[in-house]
C-alpha atoms as a PDB file:
ATOM      1  CA  MET A   1     130.896 -12.090 -80.465  1.00  0.00           C
ATOM      2  CA  GLY A   2     132.072 -14.688 -78.000  1.00  0.00           C
ATOM      3  CA  TYR A   3     134.421 -13.712 -75.247  1.00  0.00           C
ATOM      4  CA  ALA A   4     137.164 -16.148 -74.410  1.00  0.00           C
ATOM      5  CA  ARG A   5     140.364 -16.101 -72.454  1.00  0.00           C
ATOM      6  CA  GLU A   6     142.181 -14.990 -75.614  1.00  0.00           C
ATOM      7  CA  ASP A   7     140.006 -11.859 -75.816  1.00  0.00           C
ATOM      8  CA  TYR A   8     140.877 -10.972 -72.235  1.00  0.00           C
ATOM      9  CA  ASP A   9     144.584 -11.735 -72.727  1.00  0.00           C
ATOM     10  CA  GLN A  10     144.753  -9.660 -75.903  1.00  0.00           C
ATOM     11  CA  ALA A  11     142.982  -6.670 -74.337  1.00  0.00           C
ATOM     12  CA  PHE A  12     145.245  -6.865 -71.288  1.00  0.00           C
ATOM     13  CA  GLU A  13     148.398  -7.097 -73.424  1.00  0.00           C
ATOM     14  CA  ASP A  14     147.280  -4.108 -75.484  1.00  0.00           C
ATOM     15  CA  ALA A  15     146.766  -2.120 -72.285  1.00  0.00           C
ATOM     16  CA  CYS A  16     150.186  -3.124 -70.956  1.00  0.00           C
ATOM     17  CA  GLN A  17     151.858  -2.054 -74.208  1.00  0.00           C
ATOM     18  CA  ALA A  18     150.173   1.333 -73.961  1.00  0.00           C
ATOM     19  CA  LEU A  19     151.475   1.804 -70.410  1.00  0.00           C
ATOM     20  CA  ARG A  20     154.940   2.438 -71.814  1.00  0.00           C
ATOM     21  CA  SER A  21     153.795   5.873 -72.957  1.00  0.00           C
ATOM     22  CA  PRO A  22     152.443   7.689 -69.874  1.00  0.00           C
ATOM     23  CA  ARG A  23     150.932  10.558 -71.900  1.00  0.00           C
ATOM     24  CA  GLU A  24     148.280   8.330 -73.404  1.00  0.00           C
ATOM     25  CA  LEU A  25     146.163   7.839 -70.273  1.00  0.00           C
ATOM     26  CA  ASP A  26     142.895   7.967 -72.222  1.00  0.00           C
ATOM     27  CA  ILE A  27     144.013   5.053 -74.386  1.00  0.00           C
ATOM     28  CA  VAL A  28     145.057   3.040 -71.346  1.00  0.00           C
ATOM     29  CA  ARG A  29     141.808   3.872 -69.560  1.00  0.00           C
ATOM     30  CA  GLY A  30     139.759   2.833 -72.583  1.00  0.00           C
ATOM     31  CA  GLN A  31     141.598  -0.457 -72.923  1.00  0.00           C
ATOM     32  CA  MET A  32     141.246  -1.267 -69.244  1.00  0.00           C
ATOM     33  CA  LEU A  33     137.524  -0.512 -69.420  1.00  0.00           C
ATOM     34  CA  ARG A  34     137.366  -2.907 -72.383  1.00  0.00           C
ATOM     35  CA  VAL A  35     139.020  -5.590 -70.224  1.00  0.00           C
ATOM     36  CA  GLU A  36     136.439  -4.871 -67.540  1.00  0.00           C
ATOM     37  CA  GLU A  37     133.620  -5.205 -70.091  1.00  0.00           C
ATOM     38  CA  VAL A  38     134.974  -8.576 -71.250  1.00  0.00           C
ATOM     39  CA  LEU A  39     135.088  -9.780 -67.644  1.00  0.00           C
ATOM     40  CA  TRP A  40     131.513  -8.632 -66.955  1.00  0.00           C
ATOM     41  CA  LEU A  41     130.224 -10.381 -70.078  1.00  0.00           C
ATOM     42  CA  ALA A  42     132.064 -13.562 -69.111  1.00  0.00           C
ATOM     43  CA  LEU A  43     130.570 -13.393 -65.608  1.00  0.00           C
ATOM     44  CA  ARG A  44     127.086 -12.963 -67.030  1.00  0.00           C
ATOM     45  CA  ARG A  45     127.598 -16.055 -69.172  1.00  0.00           C
ATOM     46  CA  VAL A  46     128.734 -18.012 -66.099  1.00  0.00           C
ATOM     47  CA  PHE A  47     125.706 -16.785 -64.137  1.00  0.00           C
ATOM     48  CA  ALA A  48     123.420 -17.889 -66.979  1.00  0.00           C
ATOM     49  CA  GLY A  49     124.984 -21.359 -66.970  1.00  0.00           C
ATOM     50  CA  ILE A  50     124.627 -21.625 -63.209  1.00  0.00           C
ATOM     51  CA  ALA A  51     121.003 -20.483 -63.437  1.00  0.00           C
ATOM     52  CA  VAL A  52     120.070 -23.090 -66.048  1.00  0.00           C
ATOM     53  CA  ALA A  53     121.828 -25.870 -64.118  1.00  0.00           C
ATOM     54  CA  VAL A  54     120.193 -24.976 -60.795  1.00  0.00           C
ATOM     55  CA  ALA A  55     116.773 -24.516 -62.392  1.00  0.00           C
ATOM     56  CA  SER A  56     117.095 -27.905 -64.073  1.00  0.00           C
ATOM     57  CA  LEU A  57     117.941 -29.518 -60.741  1.00  0.00           C
ATOM     58  CA  ILE A  58     114.921 -27.871 -59.122  1.00  0.00           C
ATOM     59  CA  VAL A  59     112.285 -28.310 -61.845  1.00  0.00           C
ATOM     60  CA  LEU A  60     113.100 -31.497 -63.749  1.00  0.00           C
ATOM     61  CA  PRO A  61     113.388 -34.155 -60.983  1.00  0.00           C
ATOM     62  CA  PRO A  62     109.827 -33.611 -59.704  1.00  0.00           C
ATOM     63  CA  VAL A  63     108.540 -33.772 -63.278  1.00  0.00           C
ATOM     64  CA  TYR A  64     110.149 -37.172 -63.787  1.00  0.00           C
ATOM     65  CA  LEU A  65     109.237 -38.471 -60.324  1.00  0.00           C
ATOM     66  CA  LEU A  66     105.594 -37.438 -60.612  1.00  0.00           C
ATOM     67  CA  ASP A  67     103.973 -39.431 -63.345  1.00  0.00           C
ATOM     68  CA  LEU A  68     102.443 -36.418 -65.093  1.00  0.00           C
ATOM     69  CA  PRO A  69     100.458 -36.834 -68.284  1.00  0.00           C
ATOM     70  CA  GLN A  70     102.410 -35.971 -71.408  1.00  0.00           C
ATOM     71  CA  SER A  71     100.502 -33.093 -72.903  1.00  0.00           C
ATOM     72  CA  LEU A  72     101.110 -29.684 -74.368  1.00  0.00           C
ATOM     73  CA  ALA A  73      99.890 -28.016 -71.173  1.00  0.00           C
ATOM     74  CA  THR A  74     102.330 -30.010 -69.039  1.00  0.00           C
ATOM     75  CA  GLY A  75     105.186 -29.229 -71.410  1.00  0.00           C
ATOM     76  CA  LEU A  76     104.385 -25.535 -71.361  1.00  0.00           C
ATOM     77  CA  LEU A  77     104.098 -25.558 -67.571  1.00  0.00           C
ATOM     78  CA  VAL A  78     107.473 -27.279 -67.185  1.00  0.00           C
ATOM     79  CA  SER A  79     109.125 -24.985 -69.752  1.00  0.00           C
ATOM     80  CA  GLY A  80     107.662 -21.892 -68.117  1.00  0.00           C
ATOM     81  CA  SER A  81     108.767 -23.069 -64.679  1.00  0.00           C
ATOM     82  CA  LEU A  82     112.266 -23.771 -65.965  1.00  0.00           C
ATOM     83  CA  ILE A  83     112.516 -20.323 -67.536  1.00  0.00           C
ATOM     84  CA  ALA A  84     111.111 -18.573 -64.447  1.00  0.00           C
ATOM     85  CA  VAL A  85     113.420 -20.363 -62.011  1.00  0.00           C
ATOM     86  CA  SER A  86     116.406 -19.762 -64.327  1.00  0.00           C
ATOM     87  CA  PHE A  87     115.547 -16.073 -64.469  1.00  0.00           C
ATOM     88  CA  LEU A  88     115.291 -15.831 -60.675  1.00  0.00           C
ATOM     89  CA  VAL A  89     118.550 -17.699 -60.052  1.00  0.00           C
ATOM     90  CA  TYR A  90     120.382 -15.574 -62.656  1.00  0.00           C
ATOM     91  CA  TRP A  91     119.314 -12.323 -61.007  1.00  0.00           C
ATOM     92  CA  LEU A  92     120.048 -13.735 -57.563  1.00  0.00           C
ATOM     93  CA  CYS A  93     123.610 -14.538 -58.711  1.00  0.00           C
ATOM     94  CA  ARG A  94     124.005 -11.013 -60.065  1.00  0.00           C
ATOM     95  CA  LEU A  95     122.631  -9.488 -56.851  1.00  0.00           C
ATOM     96  CA  VAL A  96     124.938 -11.520 -54.616  1.00  0.00           C
ATOM     97  CA  PHE A  97     127.939 -10.677 -56.798  1.00  0.00           C
ATOM     98  CA  HIS A  98     127.028  -6.988 -56.854  1.00  0.00           C
ATOM     99  CA  LEU A  99     126.617  -6.883 -53.071  1.00  0.00           C
ATOM    100  CA  GLU A 100     129.919  -8.681 -52.586  1.00  0.00           C
ATOM    101  CA  ILE A 101     131.784  -6.317 -54.924  1.00  0.00           C
ATOM    102  CA  SER A 102     130.160  -3.183 -53.502  1.00  0.00           C
ATOM    103  CA  SER A 103     131.013  -4.229 -49.943  1.00  0.00           C
ATOM    104  CA  ARG A 104     134.694  -4.695 -50.801  1.00  0.00           C
ATOM    105  CA  ILE A 105     135.395  -1.975 -53.369  1.00  0.00           C
ATOM    106  CA  ARG A 106     134.902   1.653 -52.411  1.00  0.00           C
ATOM    107  CA  GLY A 107     135.452   4.850 -54.324  1.00  0.00           C
ATOM    108  CA  ARG A 108     134.823   3.590 -57.851  1.00  0.00           C
ATOM    109  CA  ARG A 109     132.006   1.809 -59.584  1.00  0.00           C
ATOM    110  CA  PHE A 110     132.542  -0.531 -62.481  1.00  0.00           C
ATOM    111  CA  GLY A 111     132.774   1.344 -65.750  1.00  0.00           C
ATOM    112  CA  GLU A 112     133.934   4.637 -64.259  1.00  0.00           C
ATOM    113  CA  GLY A 113     137.316   6.123 -65.014  1.00  0.00           C
ATOM    114  CA  LEU A 114     140.278   4.651 -63.197  1.00  0.00           C
ATOM    115  CA  ILE A 115     142.438   7.765 -62.967  1.00  0.00           C
ATOM    116  CA  GLU A 116     141.156  11.126 -61.843  1.00  0.00           C
ATOM    117  CA  PRO A 117     142.545  14.103 -63.795  1.00  0.00           C
ATOM    118  CA  ASP A 118     144.711  16.518 -61.846  1.00  0.00           C
ATOM    119  CA  ALA A 119     143.927  20.222 -61.369  1.00  0.00           C
ATOM    120  CA  SER A 120     145.330  21.146 -64.803  1.00  0.00           C
ATOM    121  CA  GLY A 121     142.844  18.790 -66.507  1.00  0.00           C
ATOM    122  CA  GLN A 122     145.545  16.371 -67.657  1.00  0.00           C
END
């Protein structure tokens, strides 16, 4: 399933509609966690795009500038290098984003409940 702006907007609107009934905190919490999931999946897709673009800029220019023989071994080497650099850049993006979020947001991790129950368990 692809996640687009419409998915985010719909999930957010559903959560806002549920806010009108304060007794349904579990429903609101679930919908907000769904919004958070959509955002995380969208960020991962952006990181993957960035990784492929950066890896292409790193790996492909030297291949074209060096007059390498066109063979299966060269193709596999270039493909493997492109995949490896993409993988490294993707995880570097995720690490930097995680460090940035964790340095600015305290008290709650992504995916945890937003509202703590009171002493009566409500």
